[in-house]
Amino acid sequence: MPIAEIVIAVLLLGGSFFGFTAALGLIRMPDIYTRMSTSGKAATLCCGLLLAAVALLFRDAQVTARAIAAILFLLLTVPVGAHMIARAAYRVKNPMWEGTEIDSALENGAKAQRRD
């Protein structure tokens, strides 16, 4: 088995693992803030690894360029989207999990921005 096929298989397995953890995080986490954090990070890794495997599998300049562009797009947009979801949830007073000990947004002055 060529080394490229082994690398592709490892990337596919890694992407599948992170996709599974993202789905599991959506089911198991108690509030929107932890769900958003878990799914955003794991789904970004999942898609990045799967797209890297696609780029290695096809070995075509156009496919590789599109895969790299998609990976960069994901790396730039997913954190921003996750931040906006968390900010919107915080502003409409979506309840935090009772196990949350520190509200760092409140300590940083977000109290004035939160809607009553």
PDB file of N, CA and C in Angstrom:
ATOM      1  N   MET A   1       0.860  -1.184   0.000  1.00  0.00           N
ATOM      2  CA  MET A   1       0.000   0.000   0.000  1.00  0.00           C
ATOM      3  C   MET A   1       0.902   1.242   0.000  1.00  0.00           C
ATOM      4  N   PRO A   2       0.704   2.145  -0.963  1.00  0.00           N
ATOM      5  CA  PRO A   2       1.529   3.355  -1.023  1.00  0.00           C
ATOM      6  C   PRO A   2       1.307   4.252   0.194  1.00  0.00           C
ATOM      7  N   ILE A   3       2.327   5.038   0.502  1.00  0.00           N
ATOM      8  CA  ILE A   3       2.271   5.914   1.672  1.00  0.00           C
ATOM      9  C   ILE A   3       1.150   6.953   1.534  1.00  0.00           C
ATOM     10  N   ALA A   4       0.861   7.408   0.315  1.00  0.00           N
ATOM     11  CA  ALA A   4      -0.201   8.403   0.111  1.00  0.00           C
ATOM     12  C   ALA A   4      -1.561   7.850   0.525  1.00  0.00           C
ATOM     13  N   GLU A   5      -1.804   6.593   0.246  1.00  0.00           N
ATOM     14  CA  GLU A   5      -3.084   5.990   0.635  1.00  0.00           C
ATOM     15  C   GLU A   5      -3.204   5.871   2.152  1.00  0.00           C
ATOM     16  N   ILE A   6      -2.095   5.612   2.812  1.00  0.00           N
ATOM     17  CA  ILE A   6      -2.107   5.545   4.282  1.00  0.00           C
ATOM     18  C   ILE A   6      -2.409   6.924   4.860  1.00  0.00           C
ATOM     19  N   VAL A   7      -1.773   7.952   4.318  1.00  0.00           N
ATOM     20  CA  VAL A   7      -2.018   9.322   4.795  1.00  0.00           C
ATOM     21  C   VAL A   7      -3.476   9.712   4.552  1.00  0.00           C
ATOM     22  N   ILE A   8      -4.009   9.374   3.388  1.00  0.00           N
ATOM     23  CA  ILE A   8      -5.411   9.674   3.078  1.00  0.00           C
ATOM     24  C   ILE A   8      -6.339   8.950   4.050  1.00  0.00           C
ATOM     25  N   ALA A   9      -6.035   7.685   4.331  1.00  0.00           N
ATOM     26  CA  ALA A   9      -6.869   6.917   5.266  1.00  0.00           C
ATOM     27  C   ALA A   9      -6.827   7.524   6.665  1.00  0.00           C
ATOM     28  N   VAL A  10      -5.641   7.957   7.098  1.00  0.00           N
ATOM     29  CA  VAL A  10      -5.515   8.577   8.426  1.00  0.00           C
ATOM     30  C   VAL A  10      -6.302   9.890   8.472  1.00  0.00           C
ATOM     31  N   LEU A  11      -6.211  10.689   7.412  1.00  0.00           N
ATOM     32  CA  LEU A  11      -6.970  11.943   7.366  1.00  0.00           C
ATOM     33  C   LEU A  11      -8.478  11.692   7.380  1.00  0.00           C
ATOM     34  N   LEU A  12      -8.921  10.684   6.634  1.00  0.00           N
ATOM     35  CA  LEU A  12     -10.354  10.356   6.625  1.00  0.00           C
ATOM     36  C   LEU A  12     -10.826   9.855   7.984  1.00  0.00           C
ATOM     37  N   LEU A  13     -10.023   9.019   8.620  1.00  0.00           N
ATOM     38  CA  LEU A  13     -10.393   8.530   9.957  1.00  0.00           C
ATOM     39  C   LEU A  13     -10.400   9.662  10.978  1.00  0.00           C
ATOM     40  N   GLY A  14      -9.408  10.544  10.896  1.00  0.00           N
ATOM     41  CA  GLY A  14      -9.374  11.690  11.800  1.00  0.00           C
ATOM     42  C   GLY A  14     -10.562  12.608  11.592  1.00  0.00           C
ATOM     43  N   GLY A  15     -10.895  12.879  10.333  1.00  0.00           N
ATOM     44  CA  GLY A  15     -12.057  13.709  10.037  1.00  0.00           C
ATOM     45  C   GLY A  15     -13.350  13.082  10.517  1.00  0.00           C
ATOM     46  N   SER A  16     -13.458  11.776  10.330  1.00  0.00           N
ATOM     47  CA  SER A  16     -14.657  11.067  10.805  1.00  0.00           C
ATOM     48  C   SER A  16     -14.758  11.117  12.325  1.00  0.00           C
ATOM     49  N   PHE A  17     -13.625  10.969  12.997  1.00  0.00           N
ATOM     50  CA  PHE A  17     -13.616  11.026  14.462  1.00  0.00           C
ATOM     51  C   PHE A  17     -14.083  12.395  14.953  1.00  0.00           C
ATOM     52  N   PHE A  18     -13.540  13.457  14.366  1.00  0.00           N
ATOM     53  CA  PHE A  18     -13.936  14.794  14.807  1.00  0.00           C
ATOM     54  C   PHE A  18     -15.380  15.111  14.429  1.00  0.00           C
ATOM     55  N   GLY A  19     -15.860  14.576  13.327  1.00  0.00           N
ATOM     56  CA  GLY A  19     -17.273  14.732  12.979  1.00  0.00           C
ATOM     57  C   GLY A  19     -18.173  14.043  13.986  1.00  0.00           C
ATOM     58  N   PHE A  20     -17.749  12.858  14.411  1.00  0.00           N
ATOM     59  CA  PHE A  20     -18.510  12.132  15.427  1.00  0.00           C
ATOM     60  C   PHE A  20     -18.513  12.885  16.753  1.00  0.00           C
ATOM     61  N   THR A  21     -17.358  13.442  17.152  1.00  0.00           N
ATOM     62  CA  THR A  21     -17.313  14.183  18.414  1.00  0.00           C
ATOM     63  C   THR A  21     -18.148  15.461  18.339  1.00  0.00           C
ATOM     64  N   ALA A  22     -18.209  16.091  17.166  1.00  0.00           N
ATOM     65  CA  ALA A  22     -19.067  17.275  17.020  1.00  0.00           C
ATOM     66  C   ALA A  22     -20.532  16.899  17.203  1.00  0.00           C
ATOM     67  N   ALA A  23     -20.940  15.793  16.586  1.00  0.00           N
ATOM     68  CA  ALA A  23     -22.330  15.339  16.730  1.00  0.00           C
ATOM     69  C   ALA A  23     -22.625  14.935  18.167  1.00  0.00           C
ATOM     70  N   LEU A  24     -21.689  14.256  18.786  1.00  0.00           N
ATOM     71  CA  LEU A  24     -21.859  13.842  20.177  1.00  0.00           C
ATOM     72  C   LEU A  24     -21.930  15.056  21.103  1.00  0.00           C
ATOM     73  N   GLY A  25     -21.125  16.074  20.821  1.00  0.00           N
ATOM     74  CA  GLY A  25     -21.154  17.293  21.620  1.00  0.00           C
ATOM     75  C   GLY A  25     -22.486  18.011  21.526  1.00  0.00           C
ATOM     76  N   LEU A  26     -23.094  18.001  20.341  1.00  0.00           N
ATOM     77  CA  LEU A  26     -24.410  18.631  20.193  1.00  0.00           C
ATOM     78  C   LEU A  26     -25.470  17.917  21.012  1.00  0.00           C
ATOM     79  N   ILE A  27     -25.323  16.616  21.154  1.00  0.00           N
ATOM     80  CA  ILE A  27     -26.308  15.830  21.899  1.00  0.00           C
ATOM     81  C   ILE A  27     -26.068  15.912  23.401  1.00  0.00           C
ATOM     82  N   ARG A  28     -24.811  15.847  23.824  1.00  0.00           N
ATOM     83  CA  ARG A  28     -24.494  15.678  25.235  1.00  0.00           C
ATOM     84  C   ARG A  28     -24.296  16.965  26.035  1.00  0.00           C
ATOM     85  N   MET A  29     -23.931  18.054  25.396  1.00  0.00           N
ATOM     86  CA  MET A  29     -23.615  19.266  26.140  1.00  0.00           C
ATOM     87  C   MET A  29     -24.887  19.932  26.667  1.00  0.00           C
ATOM     88  N   PRO A  30     -24.812  20.562  27.847  1.00  0.00           N
ATOM     89  CA  PRO A  30     -26.019  21.024  28.533  1.00  0.00           C
ATOM     90  C   PRO A  30     -26.603  22.358  28.059  1.00  0.00           C
ATOM     91  N   ASP A  31     -25.793  23.262  27.496  1.00  0.00           N
ATOM     92  CA  ASP A  31     -26.350  24.553  27.103  1.00  0.00           C
ATOM     93  C   ASP A  31     -25.793  24.991  25.755  1.00  0.00           C
ATOM     94  N   ILE A  32     -26.315  26.088  25.246  1.00  0.00           N
ATOM     95  CA  ILE A  32     -25.941  26.525  23.901  1.00  0.00           C
ATOM     96  C   ILE A  32     -24.475  26.927  23.815  1.00  0.00           C
ATOM     97  N   TYR A  33     -23.920  27.435  24.891  1.00  0.00           N
ATOM     98  CA  TYR A  33     -22.543  27.914  24.864  1.00  0.00           C
ATOM     99  C   TYR A  33     -21.553  26.759  24.709  1.00  0.00           C
ATOM    100  N   THR A  34     -21.763  25.694  25.453  1.00  0.00           N
ATOM    101  CA  THR A  34     -20.866  24.541  25.331  1.00  0.00           C
ATOM    102  C   THR A  34     -21.122  23.780  24.038  1.00  0.00           C
ATOM    103  N   ARG A  35     -22.361  23.731  23.592  1.00  0.00           N
ATOM    104  CA  ARG A  35     -22.665  23.080  22.306  1.00  0.00           C
ATOM    105  C   ARG A  35     -21.993  23.827  21.161  1.00  0.00           C
ATOM    106  N   MET A  36     -22.073  25.137  21.195  1.00  0.00           N
ATOM    107  CA  MET A  36     -21.473  25.956  20.154  1.00  0.00           C
ATOM    108  C   MET A  36     -19.963  25.780  20.130  1.00  0.00           C
ATOM    109  N   SER A  37     -19.349  25.755  21.272  1.00  0.00           N
ATOM    110  CA  SER A  37     -17.904  25.584  21.354  1.00  0.00           C
ATOM    111  C   SER A  37     -17.472  24.222  20.834  1.00  0.00           C
ATOM    112  N   THR A  38     -18.140  23.185  21.293  1.00  0.00           N
ATOM    113  CA  THR A  38     -17.791  21.827  20.889  1.00  0.00           C
ATOM    114  C   THR A  38     -18.006  21.610  19.401  1.00  0.00           C
ATOM    115  N   SER A  39     -19.160  21.991  18.914  1.00  0.00           N
ATOM    116  CA  SER A  39     -19.455  21.719  17.501  1.00  0.00           C
ATOM    117  C   SER A  39     -18.616  22.584  16.573  1.00  0.00           C
ATOM    118  N   GLY A  40     -18.362  23.810  16.938  1.00  0.00           N
ATOM    119  CA  GLY A  40     -17.566  24.684  16.081  1.00  0.00           C
ATOM    120  C   GLY A  40     -16.145  24.204  15.903  1.00  0.00           C
ATOM    121  N   LYS A  41     -15.509  23.844  16.989  1.00  0.00           N
ATOM    122  CA  LYS A  41     -14.115  23.395  16.910  1.00  0.00           C
ATOM    123  C   LYS A  41     -13.992  22.038  16.242  1.00  0.00           C
ATOM    124  N   ALA A  42     -14.823  21.111  16.641  1.00  0.00           N
ATOM    125  CA  ALA A  42     -14.715  19.757  16.090  1.00  0.00           C
ATOM    126  C   ALA A  42     -15.141  19.710  14.626  1.00  0.00           C
ATOM    127  N   ALA A  43     -16.170  20.449  14.268  1.00  0.00           N
ATOM    128  CA  ALA A  43     -16.627  20.434  12.873  1.00  0.00           C
ATOM    129  C   ALA A  43     -15.608  21.089  11.951  1.00  0.00           C
ATOM    130  N   THR A  44     -14.913  22.110  12.427  1.00  0.00           N
ATOM    131  CA  THR A  44     -13.865  22.734  11.624  1.00  0.00           C
ATOM    132  C   THR A  44     -12.738  21.751  11.356  1.00  0.00           C
ATOM    133  N   LEU A  45     -12.312  21.045  12.389  1.00  0.00           N
ATOM    134  CA  LEU A  45     -11.274  20.030  12.198  1.00  0.00           C
ATOM    135  C   LEU A  45     -11.754  18.914  11.292  1.00  0.00           C
ATOM    136  N   CYS A  46     -12.975  18.489  11.464  1.00  0.00           N
ATOM    137  CA  CYS A  46     -13.549  17.427  10.633  1.00  0.00           C
ATOM    138  C   CYS A  46     -13.509  17.813   9.161  1.00  0.00           C
ATOM    139  N   CYS A  47     -14.056  18.948   8.837  1.00  0.00           N
ATOM    140  CA  CYS A  47     -14.103  19.377   7.434  1.00  0.00           C
ATOM    141  C   CYS A  47     -12.710  19.636   6.881  1.00  0.00           C
ATOM    142  N   GLY A  48     -11.841  20.207   7.690  1.00  0.00           N
ATOM    143  CA  GLY A  48     -10.475  20.454   7.237  1.00  0.00           C
ATOM    144  C   GLY A  48      -9.733  19.179   6.900  1.00  0.00           C
ATOM    145  N   LEU A  49      -9.845  18.180   7.759  1.00  0.00           N
ATOM    146  CA  LEU A  49      -9.174  16.905   7.500  1.00  0.00           C
ATOM    147  C   LEU A  49      -9.776  16.185   6.300  1.00  0.00           C
ATOM    148  N   LEU A  50     -11.086  16.208   6.172  1.00  0.00           N
ATOM    149  CA  LEU A  50     -11.724  15.557   5.027  1.00  0.00           C
ATOM    150  C   LEU A  50     -11.359  16.251   3.713  1.00  0.00           C
ATOM    151  N   LEU A  51     -11.302  17.564   3.718  1.00  0.00           N
ATOM    152  CA  LEU A  51     -10.909  18.280   2.502  1.00  0.00           C
ATOM    153  C   LEU A  51      -9.440  18.060   2.166  1.00  0.00           C
ATOM    154  N   ALA A  52      -8.594  17.945   3.178  1.00  0.00           N
ATOM    155  CA  ALA A  52      -7.184  17.624   2.923  1.00  0.00           C
ATOM    156  C   ALA A  52      -7.057  16.236   2.302  1.00  0.00           C
ATOM    157  N   ALA A  53      -7.859  15.295   2.768  1.00  0.00           N
ATOM    158  CA  ALA A  53      -7.848  13.949   2.184  1.00  0.00           C
ATOM    159  C   ALA A  53      -8.315  13.985   0.732  1.00  0.00           C
ATOM    160  N   VAL A  54      -9.319  14.789   0.441  1.00  0.00           N
ATOM    161  CA  VAL A  54      -9.803  14.920  -0.939  1.00  0.00           C
ATOM    162  C   VAL A  54      -8.708  15.498  -1.836  1.00  0.00           C
ATOM    163  N   ALA A  55      -8.012  16.523  -1.337  1.00  0.00           N
ATOM    164  CA  ALA A  55      -6.937  17.132  -2.126  1.00  0.00           C
ATOM    165  C   ALA A  55      -5.833  16.122  -2.421  1.00  0.00           C
ATOM    166  N   LEU A  56      -5.486  15.301  -1.441  1.00  0.00           N
ATOM    167  CA  LEU A  56      -4.450  14.283  -1.663  1.00  0.00           C
ATOM    168  C   LEU A  56      -4.938  13.159  -2.564  1.00  0.00           C
ATOM    169  N   LEU A  57      -6.197  12.822  -2.462  1.00  0.00           N
ATOM    170  CA  LEU A  57      -6.732  11.715  -3.247  1.00  0.00           C
ATOM    171  C   LEU A  57      -6.762  12.028  -4.740  1.00  0.00           C
ATOM    172  N   PHE A  58      -7.250  13.217  -5.105  1.00  0.00           N
ATOM    173  CA  PHE A  58      -7.420  13.530  -6.522  1.00  0.00           C
ATOM    174  C   PHE A  58      -6.139  14.015  -7.192  1.00  0.00           C
ATOM    175  N   ARG A  59      -5.250  14.637  -6.454  1.00  0.00           N
ATOM    176  CA  ARG A  59      -3.956  15.101  -6.978  1.00  0.00           C
ATOM    177  C   ARG A  59      -4.112  15.942  -8.245  1.00  0.00           C
ATOM    178  N   ASP A  60      -5.086  16.802  -8.223  1.00  0.00           N
ATOM    179  CA  ASP A  60      -5.343  17.707  -9.338  1.00  0.00           C
ATOM    180  C   ASP A  60      -5.193  19.131  -8.810  1.00  0.00           C
ATOM    181  N   ALA A  61      -4.598  20.007  -9.594  1.00  0.00           N
ATOM    182  CA  ALA A  61      -4.335  21.367  -9.134  1.00  0.00           C
ATOM    183  C   ALA A  61      -5.626  22.116  -8.803  1.00  0.00           C
ATOM    184  N   GLN A  62      -6.650  21.958  -9.627  1.00  0.00           N
ATOM    185  CA  GLN A  62      -7.911  22.661  -9.372  1.00  0.00           C
ATOM    186  C   GLN A  62      -8.601  22.140  -8.118  1.00  0.00           C
ATOM    187  N   VAL A  63      -8.614  20.838  -7.939  1.00  0.00           N
ATOM    188  CA  VAL A  63      -9.252  20.252  -6.753  1.00  0.00           C
ATOM    189  C   VAL A  63      -8.491  20.664  -5.501  1.00  0.00           C
ATOM    190  N   THR A  64      -7.167  20.624  -5.569  1.00  0.00           N
ATOM    191  CA  THR A  64      -6.350  21.011  -4.418  1.00  0.00           C
ATOM    192  C   THR A  64      -6.548  22.484  -4.076  1.00  0.00           C
ATOM    193  N   ALA A  65      -6.587  23.343  -5.093  1.00  0.00           N
ATOM    194  CA  ALA A  65      -6.800  24.772  -4.850  1.00  0.00           C
ATOM    195  C   ALA A  65      -8.165  25.026  -4.219  1.00  0.00           C
ATOM    196  N   ARG A  66      -9.177  24.335  -4.698  1.00  0.00           N
ATOM    197  CA  ARG A  66     -10.514  24.506  -4.120  1.00  0.00           C
ATOM    198  C   ARG A  66     -10.575  23.974  -2.688  1.00  0.00           C
ATOM    199  N   ALA A  67      -9.901  22.867  -2.439  1.00  0.00           N
ATOM    200  CA  ALA A  67      -9.886  22.316  -1.080  1.00  0.00           C
ATOM    201  C   ALA A  67      -9.171  23.263  -0.124  1.00  0.00           C
ATOM    202  N   ILE A  68      -8.045  23.815  -0.553  1.00  0.00           N
ATOM    203  CA  ILE A  68      -7.314  24.767   0.292  1.00  0.00           C
ATOM    204  C   ILE A  68      -8.155  26.018   0.528  1.00  0.00           C
ATOM    205  N   ALA A  69      -8.822  26.505  -0.511  1.00  0.00           N
ATOM    206  CA  ALA A  69      -9.687  27.683  -0.354  1.00  0.00           C
ATOM    207  C   ALA A  69     -10.832  27.394   0.616  1.00  0.00           C
ATOM    208  N   ALA A  70     -11.410  26.210   0.522  1.00  0.00           N
ATOM    209  CA  ALA A  70     -12.506  25.849   1.428  1.00  0.00           C
ATOM    210  C   ALA A  70     -12.015  25.727   2.864  1.00  0.00           C
ATOM    211  N   ILE A  71     -10.826  25.157   3.053  1.00  0.00           N
ATOM    212  CA  ILE A  71     -10.260  25.039   4.400  1.00  0.00           C
ATOM    213  C   ILE A  71     -10.019  26.424   4.986  1.00  0.00           C
ATOM    214  N   LEU A  72      -9.424  27.320   4.204  1.00  0.00           N
ATOM    215  CA  LEU A  72      -9.181  28.682   4.687  1.00  0.00           C
ATOM    216  C   LEU A  72     -10.494  29.406   4.989  1.00  0.00           C
ATOM    217  N   PHE A  73     -11.490  29.218   4.143  1.00  0.00           N
ATOM    218  CA  PHE A  73     -12.801  29.826   4.377  1.00  0.00           C
ATOM    219  C   PHE A  73     -13.395  29.328   5.693  1.00  0.00           C
ATOM    220  N   LEU A  74     -13.299  28.026   5.933  1.00  0.00           N
ATOM    221  CA  LEU A  74     -13.818  27.468   7.189  1.00  0.00           C
ATOM    222  C   LEU A  74     -13.070  28.019   8.393  1.00  0.00           C
ATOM    223  N   LEU A  75     -11.745  28.092   8.288  1.00  0.00           N
ATOM    224  CA  LEU A  75     -10.948  28.590   9.407  1.00  0.00           C
ATOM    225  C   LEU A  75     -11.246  30.053   9.721  1.00  0.00           C
ATOM    226  N   LEU A  76     -11.662  30.804   8.716  1.00  0.00           N
ATOM    227  CA  LEU A  76     -11.977  32.217   8.936  1.00  0.00           C
ATOM    228  C   LEU A  76     -13.413  32.456   9.380  1.00  0.00           C
ATOM    229  N   THR A  77     -14.347  31.643   8.930  1.00  0.00           N
ATOM    230  CA  THR A  77     -15.756  31.945   9.184  1.00  0.00           C
ATOM    231  C   THR A  77     -16.371  31.206  10.365  1.00  0.00           C
ATOM    232  N   VAL A  78     -15.934  29.999  10.639  1.00  0.00           N
ATOM    233  CA  VAL A  78     -16.554  29.229  11.730  1.00  0.00           C
ATOM    234  C   VAL A  78     -16.340  29.896  13.091  1.00  0.00           C
ATOM    235  N   PRO A  79     -15.128  30.371  13.430  1.00  0.00           N
ATOM    236  CA  PRO A  79     -14.992  31.050  14.729  1.00  0.00           C
ATOM    237  C   PRO A  79     -15.841  32.316  14.840  1.00  0.00           C
ATOM    238  N   VAL A  80     -15.957  33.059  13.751  1.00  0.00           N
ATOM    239  CA  VAL A  80     -16.777  34.276  13.771  1.00  0.00           C
ATOM    240  C   VAL A  80     -18.246  33.921  13.965  1.00  0.00           C
ATOM    241  N   GLY A  81     -18.704  32.907  13.253  1.00  0.00           N
ATOM    242  CA  GLY A  81     -20.091  32.467  13.403  1.00  0.00           C
ATOM    243  C   GLY A  81     -20.387  31.958  14.802  1.00  0.00           C
ATOM    244  N   ALA A  82     -19.462  31.200  15.358  1.00  0.00           N
ATOM    245  CA  ALA A  82     -19.646  30.686  16.719  1.00  0.00           C
ATOM    246  C   ALA A  82     -19.686  31.831  17.729  1.00  0.00           C
ATOM    247  N   HIS A  83     -18.843  32.825  17.522  1.00  0.00           N
ATOM    248  CA  HIS A  83     -18.839  33.980  18.418  1.00  0.00           C
ATOM    249  C   HIS A  83     -20.161  34.745  18.330  1.00  0.00           C
ATOM    250  N   MET A  84     -20.679  34.916  17.126  1.00  0.00           N
ATOM    251  CA  MET A  84     -21.945  35.632  16.948  1.00  0.00           C
ATOM    252  C   MET A  84     -23.113  34.870  17.575  1.00  0.00           C
ATOM    253  N   ILE A  85     -23.109  33.556  17.455  1.00  0.00           N
ATOM    254  CA  ILE A  85     -24.163  32.750  18.084  1.00  0.00           C
ATOM    255  C   ILE A  85     -24.099  32.896  19.598  1.00  0.00           C
ATOM    256  N   ALA A  86     -22.893  32.812  20.155  1.00  0.00           N
ATOM    257  CA  ALA A  86     -22.741  32.943  21.607  1.00  0.00           C
ATOM    258  C   ALA A  86     -23.131  34.342  22.072  1.00  0.00           C
ATOM    259  N   ARG A  87     -22.748  35.340  21.318  1.00  0.00           N
ATOM    260  CA  ARG A  87     -23.080  36.713  21.696  1.00  0.00           C
ATOM    261  C   ARG A  87     -24.588  36.949  21.663  1.00  0.00           C
ATOM    262  N   ALA A  88     -25.243  36.444  20.622  1.00  0.00           N
ATOM    263  CA  ALA A  88     -26.698  36.598  20.528  1.00  0.00           C
ATOM    264  C   ALA A  88     -27.396  35.856  21.661  1.00  0.00           C
ATOM    265  N   ALA A  89     -26.923  34.658  21.972  1.00  0.00           N
ATOM    266  CA  ALA A  89     -27.527  33.888  23.066  1.00  0.00           C
ATOM    267  C   ALA A  89     -27.328  34.599  24.400  1.00  0.00           C
ATOM    268  N   TYR A  90     -26.175  35.198  24.595  1.00  0.00           N
ATOM    269  CA  TYR A  90     -25.897  35.910  25.840  1.00  0.00           C
ATOM    270  C   TYR A  90     -26.763  37.162  25.956  1.00  0.00           C
ATOM    271  N   ARG A  91     -26.926  37.862  24.850  1.00  0.00           N
ATOM    272  CA  ARG A  91     -27.696  39.109  24.889  1.00  0.00           C
ATOM    273  C   ARG A  91     -29.177  38.890  25.129  1.00  0.00           C
ATOM    274  N   VAL A  92     -29.719  37.751  24.719  1.00  0.00           N
ATOM    275  CA  VAL A  92     -31.133  37.480  24.978  1.00  0.00           C
ATOM    276  C   VAL A  92     -31.318  36.688  26.278  1.00  0.00           C
ATOM    277  N   LYS A  93     -30.261  36.644  27.064  1.00  0.00           N
ATOM    278  CA  LYS A  93     -30.260  36.002  28.388  1.00  0.00           C
ATOM    279  C   LYS A  93     -30.588  34.518  28.328  1.00  0.00           C
ATOM    280  N   ASN A  94     -30.021  33.835  27.359  1.00  0.00           N
ATOM    281  CA  ASN A  94     -30.155  32.384  27.319  1.00  0.00           C
ATOM    282  C   ASN A  94     -29.453  31.837  28.557  1.00  0.00           C
ATOM    283  N   PRO A  95     -30.114  31.009  29.347  1.00  0.00           N
ATOM    284  CA  PRO A  95     -29.518  30.571  30.611  1.00  0.00           C
ATOM    285  C   PRO A  95     -28.266  29.721  30.407  1.00  0.00           C
ATOM    286  N   MET A  96     -27.299  29.980  31.287  1.00  0.00           N
ATOM    287  CA  MET A  96     -26.084  29.171  31.280  1.00  0.00           C
ATOM    288  C   MET A  96     -26.317  27.930  32.121  1.00  0.00           C
ATOM    289  N   TRP A  97     -25.522  26.926  31.862  1.00  0.00           N
ATOM    290  CA  TRP A  97     -25.567  25.697  32.641  1.00  0.00           C
ATOM    291  C   TRP A  97     -25.249  26.028  34.095  1.00  0.00           C
ATOM    292  N   GLU A  98     -25.943  25.377  35.013  1.00  0.00           N
ATOM    293  CA  GLU A  98     -25.737  25.689  36.435  1.00  0.00           C
ATOM    294  C   GLU A  98     -24.331  25.363  36.916  1.00  0.00           C
ATOM    295  N   GLY A  99     -23.593  24.568  36.176  1.00  0.00           N
ATOM    296  CA  GLY A  99     -22.210  24.251  36.528  1.00  0.00           C
ATOM    297  C   GLY A  99     -21.218  25.320  36.100  1.00  0.00           C
ATOM    298  N   THR A 100     -21.685  26.351  35.393  1.00  0.00           N
ATOM    299  CA  THR A 100     -20.804  27.439  34.976  1.00  0.00           C
ATOM    300  C   THR A 100     -20.446  28.268  36.193  1.00  0.00           C
ATOM    301  N   GLU A 101     -19.150  28.394  36.447  1.00  0.00           N
ATOM    302  CA  GLU A 101     -18.701  29.099  37.644  1.00  0.00           C
ATOM    303  C   GLU A 101     -18.330  30.551  37.378  1.00  0.00           C
ATOM    304  N   ILE A 102     -17.831  30.847  36.183  1.00  0.00           N
ATOM    305  CA  ILE A 102     -17.350  32.190  35.890  1.00  0.00           C
ATOM    306  C   ILE A 102     -18.050  32.715  34.647  1.00  0.00           C
ATOM    307  N   ASP A 103     -18.596  33.909  34.754  1.00  0.00           N
ATOM    308  CA  ASP A 103     -19.183  34.592  33.608  1.00  0.00           C
ATOM    309  C   ASP A 103     -18.196  35.678  33.195  1.00  0.00           C
ATOM    310  N   SER A 104     -17.226  35.323  32.366  1.00  0.00           N
ATOM    311  CA  SER A 104     -16.168  36.265  32.015  1.00  0.00           C
ATOM    312  C   SER A 104     -16.696  37.437  31.190  1.00  0.00           C
ATOM    313  N   ALA A 105     -17.776  37.257  30.452  1.00  0.00           N
ATOM    314  CA  ALA A 105     -18.352  38.368  29.700  1.00  0.00           C
ATOM    315  C   ALA A 105     -18.886  39.425  30.656  1.00  0.00           C
ATOM    316  N   LEU A 106     -19.473  38.985  31.747  1.00  0.00           N
ATOM    317  CA  LEU A 106     -19.995  39.914  32.743  1.00  0.00           C
ATOM    318  C   LEU A 106     -18.852  40.686  33.394  1.00  0.00           C
ATOM    319  N   GLU A 107     -17.738  40.001  33.645  1.00  0.00           N
ATOM    320  CA  GLU A 107     -16.580  40.655  34.248  1.00  0.00           C
ATOM    321  C   GLU A 107     -15.936  41.657  33.298  1.00  0.00           C
ATOM    322  N   ASN A 108     -16.094  41.440  31.985  1.00  0.00           N
ATOM    323  CA  ASN A 108     -15.471  42.316  30.993  1.00  0.00           C
ATOM    324  C   ASN A 108     -16.388  43.443  30.532  1.00  0.00           C
ATOM    325  N   GLY A 109     -17.478  43.672  31.203  1.00  0.00           N
ATOM    326  CA  GLY A 109     -18.337  44.805  30.906  1.00  0.00           C
ATOM    327  C   GLY A 109     -19.514  44.519  29.998  1.00  0.00           C
ATOM    328  N   ALA A 110     -19.841  43.277  29.773  1.00  0.00           N
ATOM    329  CA  ALA A 110     -20.968  42.951  28.900  1.00  0.00           C
ATOM    330  C   ALA A 110     -22.307  43.171  29.594  1.00  0.00           C
ATOM    331  N   LYS A 111     -22.285  43.492  30.876  1.00  0.00           N
ATOM    332  CA  LYS A 111     -23.523  43.689  31.633  1.00  0.00           C
ATOM    333  C   LYS A 111     -24.367  44.804  31.024  1.00  0.00           C
ATOM    334  N   ALA A 112     -23.721  45.867  30.570  1.00  0.00           N
ATOM    335  CA  ALA A 112     -24.459  46.991  30.011  1.00  0.00           C
ATOM    336  C   ALA A 112     -25.087  46.654  28.665  1.00  0.00           C
ATOM    337  N   GLN A 113     -24.539  45.668  27.956  1.00  0.00           N
ATOM    338  CA  GLN A 113     -25.055  45.315  26.642  1.00  0.00           C
ATOM    339  C   GLN A 113     -26.159  44.274  26.704  1.00  0.00           C
ATOM    340  N   ARG A 114     -26.297  43.599  27.804  1.00  0.00           N
ATOM    341  CA  ARG A 114     -27.263  42.510  27.895  1.00  0.00           C
ATOM    342  C   ARG A 114     -28.673  43.070  28.009  1.00  0.00           C
ATOM    343  N   ARG A 115     -29.571  42.569  27.195  1.00  0.00           N
ATOM    344  CA  ARG A 115     -30.952  43.059  27.195  1.00  0.00           C
ATOM    345  C   ARG A 115     -31.703  42.588  28.423  1.00  0.00           C
ATOM    346  N   ASP A 116     -32.544  43.458  28.917  1.00  0.00           N
ATOM    347  CA  ASP A 116     -33.370  43.096  30.081  1.00  0.00           C
ATOM    348  C   ASP A 116     -34.777  42.801  29.685  1.00  0.00           C
TER     349      ASP A 116
END
